[in-house]
Amino acid sequence: MAGRSGVATIKAQLVNMRDGGFISAHDFHIASLIAGVVCGGDVDAGTLVSEEYLMALERKAFCALLVHPKTQERIMGMLSTGKPVRN
């Protein structure tokens, strides 16, 4: 896994995108959580992790997003209009 250094690399790009107005603060939050999952979370680069470990990271990130009001706005907007809500 890419670990912490991978997350830091991705977040550096995300900060540039957010500060440049290309993504919203909530997009940044979502992408940061995804980066943590795909890079294996808080581990050293090169660490081997199990599928169960990755699934636990994914579940934790998903549940954190589900309770976020802006995520709920996006879900409800998509269900009611069929179009993405940019918040």
C-alpha atoms as a PDB file:
ATOM      1  CA  MET A   1       0.000   0.000   0.000  1.00  0.00           C
ATOM      2  CA  ALA A   2       1.070   3.587  -0.561  1.00  0.00           C
ATOM      3  CA  GLY A   3       0.208   4.441   3.041  1.00  0.00           C
ATOM      4  CA  ARG A   4       0.575   7.866   4.625  1.00  0.00           C
ATOM      5  CA  SER A   5       2.909   9.174   1.927  1.00  0.00           C
ATOM      6  CA  GLY A   6       0.402   8.234  -0.775  1.00  0.00           C
ATOM      7  CA  VAL A   7      -2.387   9.993   1.096  1.00  0.00           C
ATOM      8  CA  ALA A   8      -0.188  13.086   1.469  1.00  0.00           C
ATOM      9  CA  THR A   9       0.576  13.129  -2.264  1.00  0.00           C
ATOM     10  CA  ILE A  10      -3.091  12.857  -3.206  1.00  0.00           C
ATOM     11  CA  LYS A  11      -4.135  15.462  -0.636  1.00  0.00           C
ATOM     12  CA  ALA A  12      -1.564  17.922  -1.993  1.00  0.00           C
ATOM     13  CA  GLN A  13      -3.248  17.721  -5.385  1.00  0.00           C
ATOM     14  CA  LEU A  14      -6.692  17.951  -3.807  1.00  0.00           C
ATOM     15  CA  VAL A  15      -5.713  21.124  -1.941  1.00  0.00           C
ATOM     16  CA  ASN A  16      -4.649  22.684  -5.238  1.00  0.00           C
ATOM     17  CA  MET A  17      -7.939  21.666  -6.854  1.00  0.00           C
ATOM     18  CA  ARG A  18      -9.982  23.017  -3.926  1.00  0.00           C
ATOM     19  CA  ASP A  19      -8.055  26.278  -3.670  1.00  0.00           C
ATOM     20  CA  GLY A  20      -8.271  26.709  -7.450  1.00  0.00           C
ATOM     21  CA  GLY A  21     -12.050  26.402  -7.314  1.00  0.00           C
ATOM     22  CA  PHE A  22     -12.201  23.132  -9.248  1.00  0.00           C
ATOM     23  CA  ILE A  23     -13.748  21.144  -6.383  1.00  0.00           C
ATOM     24  CA  SER A  24     -15.866  22.110  -3.385  1.00  0.00           C
ATOM     25  CA  ALA A  25     -14.870  21.696   0.248  1.00  0.00           C
ATOM     26  CA  HIS A  26     -17.160  18.668   0.442  1.00  0.00           C
ATOM     27  CA  ASP A  27     -15.603  17.184  -2.711  1.00  0.00           C
ATOM     28  CA  PHE A  28     -12.256  17.607  -0.944  1.00  0.00           C
ATOM     29  CA  HIS A  29     -13.597  15.820   2.133  1.00  0.00           C
ATOM     30  CA  ILE A  30     -14.958  12.910   0.079  1.00  0.00           C
ATOM     31  CA  ALA A  31     -11.786  12.573  -1.988  1.00  0.00           C
ATOM     32  CA  SER A  32      -9.627  12.689   1.143  1.00  0.00           C
ATOM     33  CA  LEU A  33     -11.571   9.791   2.630  1.00  0.00           C
ATOM     34  CA  ILE A  34     -11.245   7.847  -0.623  1.00  0.00           C
ATOM     35  CA  ALA A  35      -7.493   8.542  -0.678  1.00  0.00           C
ATOM     36  CA  GLY A  36      -7.206   7.126   2.820  1.00  0.00           C
ATOM     37  CA  VAL A  37      -8.968   3.954   1.758  1.00  0.00           C
ATOM     38  CA  VAL A  38      -7.130   3.332  -1.524  1.00  0.00           C
ATOM     39  CA  CYS A  39      -3.743   4.063   0.078  1.00  0.00           C
ATOM     40  CA  GLY A  40      -4.368   1.734   3.011  1.00  0.00           C
ATOM     41  CA  GLY A  41      -4.880   4.311   5.730  1.00  0.00           C
ATOM     42  CA  ASP A  42      -2.319   5.162   8.387  1.00  0.00           C
ATOM     43  CA  VAL A  43       0.394   2.663   7.420  1.00  0.00           C
ATOM     44  CA  ASP A  44       3.943   2.914   6.130  1.00  0.00           C
ATOM     45  CA  ALA A  45       4.501   2.751   2.380  1.00  0.00           C
ATOM     46  CA  GLY A  46       4.921  -0.829   1.212  1.00  0.00           C
ATOM     47  CA  THR A  47       2.888  -2.331   4.047  1.00  0.00           C
ATOM     48  CA  LEU A  48       0.857  -5.381   3.085  1.00  0.00           C
ATOM     49  CA  VAL A  49      -2.713  -5.336   4.367  1.00  0.00           C
ATOM     50  CA  SER A  50      -5.567  -7.809   4.136  1.00  0.00           C
ATOM     51  CA  GLU A  51      -8.747  -7.461   2.152  1.00  0.00           C
ATOM     52  CA  GLU A  52     -10.645  -7.373   5.445  1.00  0.00           C
ATOM     53  CA  TYR A  53      -8.529  -4.425   6.600  1.00  0.00           C
ATOM     54  CA  LEU A  54      -9.308  -2.494   3.411  1.00  0.00           C
ATOM     55  CA  MET A  55     -12.994  -3.326   3.671  1.00  0.00           C
ATOM     56  CA  ALA A  56     -13.013  -2.040   7.262  1.00  0.00           C
ATOM     57  CA  LEU A  57     -11.405   1.233   6.094  1.00  0.00           C
ATOM     58  CA  GLU A  58     -13.983   1.538   3.333  1.00  0.00           C
ATOM     59  CA  ARG A  59     -16.872   0.835   5.702  1.00  0.00           C
ATOM     60  CA  LYS A  60     -15.609   3.423   8.203  1.00  0.00           C
ATOM     61  CA  ALA A  61     -15.276   6.095   5.483  1.00  0.00           C
ATOM     62  CA  PHE A  62     -18.665   5.243   3.967  1.00  0.00           C
ATOM     63  CA  CYS A  63     -20.444   5.429   7.326  1.00  0.00           C
ATOM     64  CA  ALA A  64     -18.726   8.742   8.116  1.00  0.00           C
ATOM     65  CA  LEU A  65     -19.988  10.163   4.823  1.00  0.00           C
ATOM     66  CA  LEU A  66     -23.533   8.867   5.303  1.00  0.00           C
ATOM     67  CA  VAL A  67     -24.073  10.933   8.441  1.00  0.00           C
ATOM     68  CA  HIS A  68     -22.669  14.117   6.880  1.00  0.00           C
ATOM     69  CA  PRO A  69     -25.467  16.607   6.017  1.00  0.00           C
ATOM     70  CA  LYS A  70     -23.906  17.588   2.678  1.00  0.00           C
ATOM     71  CA  THR A  71     -23.729  13.947   1.616  1.00  0.00           C
ATOM     72  CA  GLN A  72     -27.381  13.542   2.541  1.00  0.00           C
ATOM     73  CA  GLU A  73     -28.205  16.638   0.457  1.00  0.00           C
ATOM     74  CA  ARG A  74     -26.396  15.072  -2.495  1.00  0.00           C
ATOM     75  CA  ILE A  75     -28.223  11.772  -2.123  1.00  0.00           C
ATOM     76  CA  MET A  76     -31.636  13.426  -1.821  1.00  0.00           C
ATOM     77  CA  GLY A  77     -30.902  15.760  -4.733  1.00  0.00           C
ATOM     78  CA  MET A  78     -29.920  12.872  -6.981  1.00  0.00           C
ATOM     79  CA  LEU A  79     -32.992  10.872  -5.984  1.00  0.00           C
ATOM     80  CA  SER A  80     -35.410  13.764  -6.479  1.00  0.00           C
ATOM     81  CA  THR A  81     -33.978  15.438  -9.598  1.00  0.00           C
ATOM     82  CA  GLY A  82     -31.674  12.856 -11.135  1.00  0.00           C
ATOM     83  CA  LYS A  83     -28.934  15.492 -11.246  1.00  0.00           C
ATOM     84  CA  PRO A  84     -25.893  15.830  -9.002  1.00  0.00           C
ATOM     85  CA  VAL A  85     -25.919  18.506  -6.303  1.00  0.00           C
ATOM     86  CA  ARG A  86     -22.683  20.482  -6.145  1.00  0.00           C
ATOM     87  CA  ASN A  87     -22.310  21.572  -2.533  1.00  0.00           C
END
